[in-house]
């Protein structure tokens, strides 16, 4: 698996999110409270709205369009509970945040 540096821990503080692109994959990178950074598909599985335009409270990621919510540690849907976000492999190398995109495809849900 090939990892690429996308930013540093100084660029993404706890309870913050940002959007990055790696090899054509748009990824929302979040740093949940008390946890390591996580990377998920950058668009909501409901109507393909960019998640970085929504809200992140340190635990829950909320889409701006229809208020779909996702657990920032797992990507599992909270409301509704029958959907999820595709997750990218993320690792830390010192203060650098690296992401691998191989084999990950965005998920889509009912509308």
N, C-alpha and C. Protein backbone atom coordinates (compact mmCIF):
# COMPACT_ATOMS: atom_id res chain seq x y z
N UNK A 1 0.85 -1.17 0.00
CA UNK A 1 0.00 0.00 0.00
C UNK A 1 0.89 1.23 0.00
N UNK A 2 0.63 2.15 -0.91
CA UNK A 2 1.43 3.35 -1.03
C UNK A 2 0.77 4.52 -0.29
N UNK A 3 1.47 5.05 0.69
CA UNK A 3 0.98 6.18 1.47
C UNK A 3 1.60 7.47 0.95
N UNK A 4 0.78 8.54 0.95
CA UNK A 4 1.27 9.86 0.53
C UNK A 4 0.99 10.88 1.63
N UNK A 5 1.95 11.76 1.84
CA UNK A 5 1.77 12.82 2.84
C UNK A 5 0.74 13.81 2.33
N UNK A 6 -0.22 14.15 3.21
CA UNK A 6 -1.24 15.13 2.84
C UNK A 6 -1.17 16.40 3.67
N UNK A 7 -0.65 16.30 4.89
CA UNK A 7 -0.49 17.46 5.76
C UNK A 7 0.24 17.03 7.03
N UNK A 8 0.30 17.90 8.01
CA UNK A 8 0.94 17.58 9.29
C UNK A 8 -0.09 17.73 10.41
N UNK A 9 0.26 17.24 11.59
CA UNK A 9 -0.62 17.41 12.74
C UNK A 9 -0.84 18.87 13.08
N UNK A 10 0.14 19.73 12.76
CA UNK A 10 -0.04 21.17 12.99
C UNK A 10 -1.08 21.77 12.05
N UNK A 11 -1.33 21.10 10.92
CA UNK A 11 -2.34 21.57 9.97
C UNK A 11 -3.75 21.11 10.34
N UNK A 12 -3.84 20.08 11.18
CA UNK A 12 -5.13 19.49 11.53
C UNK A 12 -5.17 19.26 13.04
N UNK A 13 -5.73 20.20 13.75
CA UNK A 13 -5.80 20.10 15.20
C UNK A 13 -6.96 19.21 15.60
N UNK A 14 -6.93 18.76 16.83
CA UNK A 14 -8.02 17.95 17.36
C UNK A 14 -9.34 18.69 17.19
N UNK A 15 -10.38 17.96 16.76
CA UNK A 15 -11.74 18.47 16.53
C UNK A 15 -11.83 19.36 15.29
N UNK A 16 -10.87 19.23 14.38
CA UNK A 16 -10.91 19.97 13.11
C UNK A 16 -11.03 19.00 11.95
N UNK A 17 -11.43 19.54 10.80
CA UNK A 17 -11.48 18.76 9.57
C UNK A 17 -10.92 19.60 8.43
N UNK A 18 -10.48 18.90 7.38
CA UNK A 18 -10.01 19.56 6.17
C UNK A 18 -10.27 18.62 5.00
N UNK A 19 -10.17 19.14 3.81
CA UNK A 19 -10.35 18.32 2.62
C UNK A 19 -9.01 18.22 1.91
N UNK A 20 -8.67 17.02 1.47
CA UNK A 20 -7.44 16.79 0.72
C UNK A 20 -7.79 15.96 -0.51
N UNK A 21 -6.90 16.00 -1.51
CA UNK A 21 -7.08 15.18 -2.69
C UNK A 21 -5.82 14.37 -2.93
N UNK A 22 -6.01 13.07 -3.14
CA UNK A 22 -4.89 12.17 -3.42
C UNK A 22 -5.27 11.32 -4.62
N UNK A 23 -4.52 11.45 -5.70
CA UNK A 23 -4.75 10.64 -6.90
C UNK A 23 -6.20 10.65 -7.35
N UNK A 24 -6.84 11.83 -7.34
CA UNK A 24 -8.21 11.95 -7.79
C UNK A 24 -9.27 11.63 -6.75
N UNK A 25 -8.86 11.17 -5.58
CA UNK A 25 -9.80 10.88 -4.49
C UNK A 25 -9.94 12.12 -3.61
N UNK A 26 -11.15 12.61 -3.47
CA UNK A 26 -11.42 13.73 -2.57
C UNK A 26 -11.75 13.13 -1.21
N UNK A 27 -10.99 13.55 -0.21
CA UNK A 27 -11.05 12.93 1.13
C UNK A 27 -11.29 14.01 2.17
N UNK A 28 -12.22 13.73 3.09
CA UNK A 28 -12.38 14.61 4.25
C UNK A 28 -11.54 13.97 5.36
N UNK A 29 -10.60 14.75 5.85
CA UNK A 29 -9.69 14.31 6.90
C UNK A 29 -10.15 14.95 8.19
N UNK A 30 -10.44 14.12 9.19
CA UNK A 30 -10.93 14.61 10.48
C UNK A 30 -9.97 14.15 11.58
N UNK A 31 -9.95 14.90 12.65
CA UNK A 31 -9.17 14.51 13.82
C UNK A 31 -10.12 14.51 15.02
N UNK A 32 -10.76 13.35 15.27
CA UNK A 32 -11.70 13.26 16.38
C UNK A 32 -11.04 13.55 17.72
N UNK A 33 -11.83 14.02 18.66
CA UNK A 33 -11.33 14.30 20.01
C UNK A 33 -10.74 13.03 20.61
N UNK A 34 -9.51 13.12 21.11
CA UNK A 34 -8.87 12.01 21.78
C UNK A 34 -8.47 10.85 20.88
N UNK A 35 -8.39 11.10 19.57
CA UNK A 35 -8.11 10.03 18.64
C UNK A 35 -7.13 10.48 17.55
N UNK A 36 -6.72 9.53 16.76
CA UNK A 36 -5.83 9.80 15.63
C UNK A 36 -6.66 10.30 14.44
N UNK A 37 -6.02 10.97 13.48
CA UNK A 37 -6.74 11.42 12.28
C UNK A 37 -7.35 10.24 11.53
N UNK A 38 -8.49 10.52 10.90
CA UNK A 38 -9.20 9.54 10.08
C UNK A 38 -9.51 10.18 8.73
N UNK A 39 -9.54 9.36 7.69
CA UNK A 39 -9.86 9.86 6.36
C UNK A 39 -11.06 9.12 5.79
N UNK A 40 -12.04 9.87 5.28
CA UNK A 40 -13.25 9.29 4.72
C UNK A 40 -13.53 9.91 3.36
N UNK A 41 -14.40 9.25 2.60
CA UNK A 41 -14.80 9.82 1.32
C UNK A 41 -15.25 11.25 1.55
N UNK A 42 -14.93 12.12 0.61
CA UNK A 42 -15.17 13.54 0.81
C UNK A 42 -16.57 14.02 0.52
N UNK A 43 -17.45 13.11 0.07
CA UNK A 43 -18.81 13.53 -0.23
C UNK A 43 -19.81 12.65 0.51
N UNK A 44 -20.94 13.25 0.84
CA UNK A 44 -22.00 12.52 1.53
C UNK A 44 -22.57 11.44 0.62
N UNK A 45 -22.80 10.25 1.13
CA UNK A 45 -23.35 9.18 0.30
C UNK A 45 -24.81 9.41 -0.10
N UNK A 46 -25.43 10.43 0.45
CA UNK A 46 -26.84 10.71 0.16
C UNK A 46 -26.98 11.43 -1.18
N UNK A 47 -26.41 12.63 -1.29
CA UNK A 47 -26.54 13.42 -2.52
C UNK A 47 -25.22 14.00 -2.99
N UNK A 48 -24.10 13.37 -2.63
CA UNK A 48 -22.79 13.74 -3.15
C UNK A 48 -22.38 15.19 -2.81
N UNK A 49 -22.80 15.68 -1.66
CA UNK A 49 -22.43 17.02 -1.19
C UNK A 49 -21.09 16.93 -0.47
N UNK A 50 -20.21 17.89 -0.70
CA UNK A 50 -18.89 17.88 -0.04
C UNK A 50 -19.06 17.98 1.47
N UNK A 51 -18.50 17.01 2.18
CA UNK A 51 -18.64 16.97 3.64
C UNK A 51 -17.89 18.09 4.34
N UNK A 52 -16.82 18.59 3.74
CA UNK A 52 -16.06 19.67 4.37
C UNK A 52 -16.91 20.95 4.49
N UNK A 53 -18.01 21.03 3.74
CA UNK A 53 -18.92 22.18 3.83
C UNK A 53 -19.87 22.05 5.02
N UNK A 54 -19.85 20.89 5.68
CA UNK A 54 -20.73 20.65 6.82
C UNK A 54 -20.08 21.05 8.13
N UNK A 55 -20.48 20.37 9.18
CA UNK A 55 -19.97 20.67 10.53
C UNK A 55 -19.27 19.46 11.11
N UNK A 56 -18.32 19.72 11.98
CA UNK A 56 -17.63 18.67 12.71
C UNK A 56 -17.43 19.15 14.13
N UNK A 57 -18.00 18.44 15.09
CA UNK A 57 -17.93 18.86 16.49
C UNK A 57 -16.87 18.11 17.30
N UNK A 58 -16.02 17.37 16.60
CA UNK A 58 -14.99 16.61 17.29
C UNK A 58 -15.36 15.14 17.45
N UNK A 59 -16.65 14.83 17.26
CA UNK A 59 -17.12 13.44 17.35
C UNK A 59 -18.00 13.06 16.17
N UNK A 60 -18.82 14.02 15.71
CA UNK A 60 -19.80 13.75 14.67
C UNK A 60 -19.59 14.69 13.49
N UNK A 61 -19.62 14.11 12.30
CA UNK A 61 -19.52 14.85 11.05
C UNK A 61 -20.92 14.98 10.48
N UNK A 62 -21.36 16.20 10.17
CA UNK A 62 -22.72 16.46 9.71
C UNK A 62 -22.69 17.09 8.32
N UNK A 63 -23.44 16.51 7.39
CA UNK A 63 -23.57 17.06 6.04
C UNK A 63 -24.47 18.29 6.09
N UNK A 64 -24.09 19.32 5.38
CA UNK A 64 -24.85 20.58 5.41
C UNK A 64 -26.20 20.47 4.72
N UNK A 65 -26.33 19.59 3.73
CA UNK A 65 -27.52 19.58 2.90
C UNK A 65 -28.76 19.01 3.61
N UNK A 66 -28.66 17.81 4.14
CA UNK A 66 -29.83 17.17 4.73
C UNK A 66 -29.56 16.68 6.16
N UNK A 67 -28.47 17.16 6.74
CA UNK A 67 -28.14 16.88 8.14
C UNK A 67 -27.88 15.41 8.42
N UNK A 68 -27.41 14.66 7.42
CA UNK A 68 -26.98 13.29 7.70
C UNK A 68 -25.76 13.37 8.59
N UNK A 69 -25.65 12.46 9.56
CA UNK A 69 -24.55 12.49 10.52
C UNK A 69 -23.79 11.17 10.52
N UNK A 70 -22.47 11.28 10.79
CA UNK A 70 -21.57 10.14 10.74
C UNK A 70 -20.62 10.17 11.94
N UNK A 71 -20.34 9.00 12.50
CA UNK A 71 -19.37 8.87 13.58
C UNK A 71 -17.97 9.12 12.99
N UNK A 72 -17.26 10.07 13.54
CA UNK A 72 -15.95 10.46 13.00
C UNK A 72 -14.85 9.47 13.31
N UNK A 73 -15.09 8.51 14.17
CA UNK A 73 -14.09 7.48 14.45
C UNK A 73 -14.25 6.26 13.54
N UNK A 74 -15.48 6.03 13.06
CA UNK A 74 -15.74 4.82 12.28
C UNK A 74 -16.29 5.06 10.89
N UNK A 75 -16.90 6.21 10.66
CA UNK A 75 -17.56 6.50 9.40
C UNK A 75 -18.97 5.94 9.33
N UNK A 76 -19.41 5.25 10.36
CA UNK A 76 -20.76 4.67 10.38
C UNK A 76 -21.80 5.77 10.50
N UNK A 77 -22.90 5.59 9.75
CA UNK A 77 -24.00 6.54 9.82
C UNK A 77 -24.66 6.53 11.18
N UNK A 78 -24.97 7.71 11.68
CA UNK A 78 -25.72 7.85 12.93
C UNK A 78 -27.18 8.14 12.58
N UNK A 79 -27.38 9.09 11.68
CA UNK A 79 -28.73 9.42 11.21
C UNK A 79 -28.67 9.71 9.72
N UNK A 80 -29.12 8.77 8.89
CA UNK A 80 -29.66 7.46 9.23
C UNK A 80 -28.56 6.47 9.58
N UNK A 81 -28.95 5.41 10.23
CA UNK A 81 -27.98 4.43 10.71
C UNK A 81 -27.64 3.34 9.71
N UNK A 82 -28.29 3.35 8.55
CA UNK A 82 -28.05 2.28 7.58
C UNK A 82 -27.13 2.70 6.43
N UNK A 83 -26.22 3.63 6.70
CA UNK A 83 -25.25 4.04 5.68
C UNK A 83 -23.89 4.19 6.36
N UNK A 84 -22.88 4.44 5.55
CA UNK A 84 -21.54 4.67 6.11
C UNK A 84 -20.70 5.39 5.07
N UNK A 85 -19.55 5.90 5.53
CA UNK A 85 -18.57 6.53 4.65
C UNK A 85 -17.44 5.54 4.38
N UNK A 86 -16.95 5.53 3.16
CA UNK A 86 -15.77 4.73 2.83
C UNK A 86 -14.59 5.34 3.58
N UNK A 87 -13.76 4.46 4.15
CA UNK A 87 -12.62 4.94 4.95
C UNK A 87 -11.30 4.65 4.25
N UNK A 88 -10.41 5.60 4.34
CA UNK A 88 -9.06 5.48 3.78
C UNK A 88 -8.08 5.14 4.89
N UNK A 89 -7.05 4.40 4.54
CA UNK A 89 -5.99 4.08 5.50
C UNK A 89 -5.19 5.35 5.78
N UNK A 90 -5.04 5.68 7.06
CA UNK A 90 -4.29 6.86 7.49
C UNK A 90 -3.23 6.40 8.47
N UNK A 91 -2.03 6.94 8.35
CA UNK A 91 -0.99 6.66 9.35
C UNK A 91 -0.19 7.92 9.61
N UNK A 92 0.41 7.92 10.79
CA UNK A 92 1.28 9.03 11.18
C UNK A 92 2.73 8.59 11.01
N UNK A 93 3.53 9.52 10.51
CA UNK A 93 4.97 9.30 10.41
C UNK A 93 5.60 10.56 11.01
N UNK A 94 5.94 10.46 12.29
CA UNK A 94 6.33 11.66 13.01
C UNK A 94 5.11 12.55 13.13
N UNK A 95 5.22 13.81 12.66
CA UNK A 95 4.08 14.72 12.66
C UNK A 95 3.35 14.74 11.32
N UNK A 96 3.80 13.95 10.36
CA UNK A 96 3.18 13.91 9.04
C UNK A 96 1.99 12.97 9.02
N UNK A 97 0.92 13.39 8.33
CA UNK A 97 -0.27 12.57 8.14
C UNK A 97 -0.21 12.03 6.72
N UNK A 98 -0.25 10.70 6.60
CA UNK A 98 -0.18 10.04 5.30
C UNK A 98 -1.46 9.25 5.04
N UNK A 99 -1.87 9.19 3.77
CA UNK A 99 -3.08 8.49 3.38
C UNK A 99 -2.78 7.58 2.19
N UNK A 100 -3.40 6.39 2.19
CA UNK A 100 -3.35 5.47 1.06
C UNK A 100 -4.76 5.37 0.47
N UNK A 101 -4.86 5.37 -0.86
CA UNK A 101 -6.18 5.36 -1.50
C UNK A 101 -6.49 4.06 -2.25
N UNK A 102 -5.53 3.16 -2.34
CA UNK A 102 -5.73 1.93 -3.11
C UNK A 102 -6.96 1.15 -2.65
N UNK A 103 -7.79 0.77 -3.62
CA UNK A 103 -8.92 -0.09 -3.34
C UNK A 103 -10.11 0.54 -2.65
N UNK A 104 -10.08 1.85 -2.41
CA UNK A 104 -11.20 2.51 -1.74
C UNK A 104 -12.10 3.18 -2.78
N UNK A 105 -13.39 2.93 -2.66
CA UNK A 105 -14.38 3.53 -3.55
C UNK A 105 -15.47 4.15 -2.71
N UNK A 106 -15.92 5.34 -3.13
CA UNK A 106 -16.98 6.04 -2.41
C UNK A 106 -18.23 5.17 -2.35
N UNK A 107 -18.93 5.26 -1.23
CA UNK A 107 -20.18 4.53 -1.03
C UNK A 107 -21.35 5.47 -1.26
N UNK A 108 -22.45 4.92 -1.74
CA UNK A 108 -23.65 5.73 -1.92
C UNK A 108 -24.82 5.01 -1.26
N UNK A 109 -25.80 5.80 -0.79
CA UNK A 109 -26.91 5.26 -0.01
C UNK A 109 -28.23 5.62 -0.67
N UNK A 110 -29.29 5.18 -0.04
CA UNK A 110 -30.63 5.54 -0.50
C UNK A 110 -30.82 7.04 -0.42
N UNK A 111 -31.79 7.56 -1.13
CA UNK A 111 -32.02 9.01 -1.10
C UNK A 111 -33.30 9.38 -0.42
